[in-house]
Amino acid sequence: MTEFLASYAWLIWLALILVFLVIETLSLDLIFLMLAIGSLGGVVAHFAGLPFLLQIPIVGAIALLLIFTLRPPLLKRLRRGSDPAKSNVEALLGLEGRVVSPVTTTTGSVKLSNGETWTARVFPSALEQKLLPGEPVFVKAIEGATALVEPEPAPPATGSLPSERHTS
């Protein structure tokens, strides 16, 4: 058996490279690509005349080294151009809206600035526990299919500060 491994280890490494590359095309996580490159190190070790039992730790060391050093910057570079737009619940958090029917700690509805009407409840830590129709609100959290809202804070009062004039 060891004679077979010594003679055909390169075929085993090539088969593993092929399997890892196929799996990588399905996962796109770069782990199996690093394992394939590590297996390529096994092919090189075989043709350098190293015994099969020494090729295994070499393959493992190369693969681990690549996974921890090369993979993170590659992933960062690949995801750099991803869509920064928020979606799902993230897109609703902080969204403004108006109360449609009175919102209390148990019931109500709001129309959000994206045009959707949601069932709503007052966020538990809100100072006002009842919001009347027409009041501006913002989404603090989403719980199931219910928006937890708080009244929008009043805009800060701006005093009339004298404007600076520059004369030329």
Protein backbone atom coordinates (compact mmCIF):
# COMPACT_ATOMS: atom_id res chain seq x y z
CA MET A 1 0.00 0.00 0.00
CA THR A 2 2.78 2.42 0.86
CA GLU A 3 4.48 1.60 -2.44
CA PHE A 4 1.26 2.54 -4.26
CA LEU A 5 1.04 5.82 -2.34
CA ALA A 6 4.68 6.59 -3.04
CA SER A 7 4.20 6.01 -6.78
CA TYR A 8 0.82 7.66 -7.33
CA ALA A 9 0.62 10.35 -4.64
CA TRP A 10 0.68 13.03 -7.31
CA LEU A 11 -2.54 11.57 -8.79
CA ILE A 12 -4.20 11.70 -5.38
CA TRP A 13 -3.18 15.34 -4.97
CA LEU A 14 -4.42 16.19 -8.49
CA ALA A 15 -7.75 14.49 -7.77
CA LEU A 16 -8.06 16.48 -4.54
CA ILE A 17 -7.24 19.70 -6.41
CA LEU A 18 -10.03 18.94 -8.88
CA VAL A 19 -12.52 18.13 -6.11
CA PHE A 20 -11.59 21.26 -4.15
CA LEU A 21 -11.92 23.47 -7.23
CA VAL A 22 -15.37 22.06 -8.04
CA ILE A 23 -16.51 22.65 -4.45
CA GLU A 24 -15.03 26.17 -4.55
CA THR A 25 -17.10 27.04 -7.61
CA LEU A 26 -20.19 26.12 -5.61
CA SER A 27 -19.26 27.83 -2.34
CA LEU A 28 -17.27 30.90 -3.51
CA ASP A 29 -15.79 31.26 -0.03
CA LEU A 30 -12.14 30.81 -1.05
CA ILE A 31 -11.48 28.09 1.58
CA PHE A 32 -11.49 25.27 -0.94
CA LEU A 33 -9.33 27.32 -3.29
CA MET A 34 -6.73 27.55 -0.53
CA LEU A 35 -7.02 23.78 0.04
CA ALA A 36 -6.52 23.22 -3.71
CA ILE A 37 -3.38 25.38 -3.69
CA GLY A 38 -2.19 23.48 -0.62
CA SER A 39 -2.73 20.23 -2.52
CA LEU A 40 -0.66 21.66 -5.34
CA GLY A 41 2.10 21.86 -2.73
CA GLY A 42 1.65 18.10 -2.31
CA VAL A 43 2.29 17.58 -6.03
CA VAL A 44 5.46 19.66 -5.80
CA ALA A 45 6.55 17.76 -2.67
CA HIS A 46 5.95 14.44 -4.46
CA PHE A 47 8.12 15.40 -7.41
CA ALA A 48 10.76 16.70 -5.00
CA GLY A 49 11.02 13.11 -3.77
CA LEU A 50 9.47 13.53 -0.31
CA PRO A 51 7.60 10.55 1.16
CA PHE A 52 3.79 10.64 1.20
CA LEU A 53 3.58 10.83 4.99
CA LEU A 54 5.67 14.01 4.88
CA GLN A 55 3.61 15.46 2.02
CA ILE A 56 0.44 15.46 4.15
CA PRO A 57 1.67 17.94 6.81
CA ILE A 58 3.21 20.08 4.07
CA VAL A 59 -0.17 20.30 2.31
CA GLY A 60 -1.90 21.08 5.63
CA ALA A 61 0.62 23.78 6.55
CA ILE A 62 0.40 25.47 3.14
CA ALA A 63 -3.41 25.37 3.20
CA LEU A 64 -3.62 26.79 6.73
CA LEU A 65 -1.06 29.47 5.95
CA LEU A 66 -3.06 30.55 2.89
CA ILE A 67 -6.40 30.44 4.72
CA PHE A 68 -5.15 32.74 7.46
CA THR A 69 -2.95 35.07 5.42
CA LEU A 70 -4.18 35.27 1.82
CA ARG A 71 -7.91 34.60 2.16
CA PRO A 72 -8.90 37.60 4.38
CA PRO A 73 -7.49 40.30 2.08
CA LEU A 74 -8.91 38.52 -0.97
CA LEU A 75 -12.37 38.39 0.60
CA LYS A 76 -12.13 42.06 1.55
CA ARG A 77 -11.15 42.95 -1.99
CA LEU A 78 -13.94 40.85 -3.50
CA ARG A 79 -16.61 42.41 -1.26
CA ARG A 80 -15.32 45.96 -1.67
CA GLY A 81 -17.67 46.67 -4.58
CA SER A 82 -20.74 45.07 -3.02
CA ASP A 83 -24.05 46.91 -2.89
CA PRO A 84 -24.02 49.20 0.16
CA ALA A 85 -27.80 49.67 0.07
CA LYS A 86 -29.60 48.43 3.15
CA SER A 87 -32.37 45.90 2.67
CA ASN A 88 -35.09 44.14 4.64
CA VAL A 89 -35.32 45.19 8.30
CA GLU A 90 -32.11 47.25 8.11
CA ALA A 91 -33.74 49.48 5.47
CA LEU A 92 -36.70 50.20 7.77
CA LEU A 93 -34.76 51.17 10.89
CA GLY A 94 -34.66 54.94 11.27
CA LEU A 95 -37.22 55.46 8.50
CA GLU A 96 -39.60 58.37 9.03
CA GLY A 97 -43.37 58.15 8.84
CA ARG A 98 -46.70 59.56 9.96
CA VAL A 99 -49.28 58.08 12.31
CA VAL A 100 -52.38 56.89 10.42
CA SER A 101 -54.40 55.57 13.36
CA PRO A 102 -53.58 56.23 17.04
CA VAL A 103 -50.48 54.31 18.10
CA THR A 104 -50.33 52.98 21.64
CA THR A 105 -48.32 50.29 23.38
CA THR A 106 -50.68 47.66 21.91
CA THR A 107 -52.05 48.88 18.57
CA GLY A 108 -51.91 51.45 15.79
CA SER A 109 -50.65 52.00 12.26
CA VAL A 110 -48.20 54.27 10.51
CA LYS A 111 -47.44 55.17 6.92
CA LEU A 112 -43.70 55.15 6.33
CA SER A 113 -41.80 57.44 3.98
CA ASN A 114 -41.25 54.50 1.60
CA GLY A 115 -45.05 54.37 1.05
CA GLU A 116 -45.75 51.25 3.12
CA THR A 117 -48.37 51.19 5.85
CA TRP A 118 -47.36 49.14 8.88
CA THR A 119 -49.05 48.08 12.07
CA ALA A 120 -47.23 49.86 14.84
CA ARG A 121 -46.72 50.11 18.56
CA VAL A 122 -44.98 52.74 20.62
CA PHE A 123 -41.42 51.76 21.45
CA PRO A 124 -41.38 50.72 25.14
CA SER A 125 -38.89 53.36 26.27
CA ALA A 126 -40.58 56.25 24.42
CA LEU A 127 -41.62 59.19 26.60
CA GLU A 128 -45.02 59.51 24.91
CA GLN A 129 -47.05 56.32 25.08
CA LYS A 130 -49.83 57.47 22.73
CA LEU A 131 -49.29 59.03 19.32
CA LEU A 132 -52.12 60.73 17.45
CA PRO A 133 -52.82 60.68 13.68
CA GLY A 134 -50.58 62.98 11.68
CA GLU A 135 -47.72 62.98 14.18
CA PRO A 136 -44.28 62.37 12.69
CA VAL A 137 -42.54 59.21 13.91
CA PHE A 138 -39.48 57.16 13.10
CA VAL A 139 -38.97 53.39 13.21
CA LYS A 140 -36.89 52.36 16.19
CA ALA A 141 -37.22 48.56 15.76
CA ILE A 142 -39.14 45.87 13.91
CA GLU A 143 -40.81 43.06 15.83
CA GLY A 144 -42.33 40.50 13.48
CA ALA A 145 -44.68 42.47 11.21
CA THR A 146 -44.99 45.40 13.61
CA ALA A 147 -42.95 48.59 13.57
CA LEU A 148 -41.96 49.91 16.97
CA VAL A 149 -41.94 53.69 16.62
CA GLU A 150 -41.02 56.77 18.61
CA PRO A 151 -42.13 60.32 17.98
CA GLU A 152 -39.63 62.36 16.03
CA PRO A 153 -37.72 64.70 18.28
CA ALA A 154 -38.65 68.34 17.87
CA PRO A 155 -36.14 70.22 15.76
CA PRO A 156 -33.82 72.38 17.85
CA ALA A 157 -34.94 75.97 18.14
CA THR A 158 -32.67 78.21 16.14
CA GLY A 159 -32.13 81.65 17.53
CA SER A 160 -31.55 84.56 15.25
CA LEU A 161 -27.83 85.01 15.24
CA PRO A 162 -26.49 88.05 13.47
CA SER A 163 -24.94 87.06 10.19
CA GLU A 164 -21.41 88.06 9.47
CA ARG A 165 -20.90 90.42 6.60
CA HIS A 166 -17.67 90.71 4.75
CA THR A 167 -17.05 93.91 2.96
CA SER A 168 -14.51 94.19 0.24
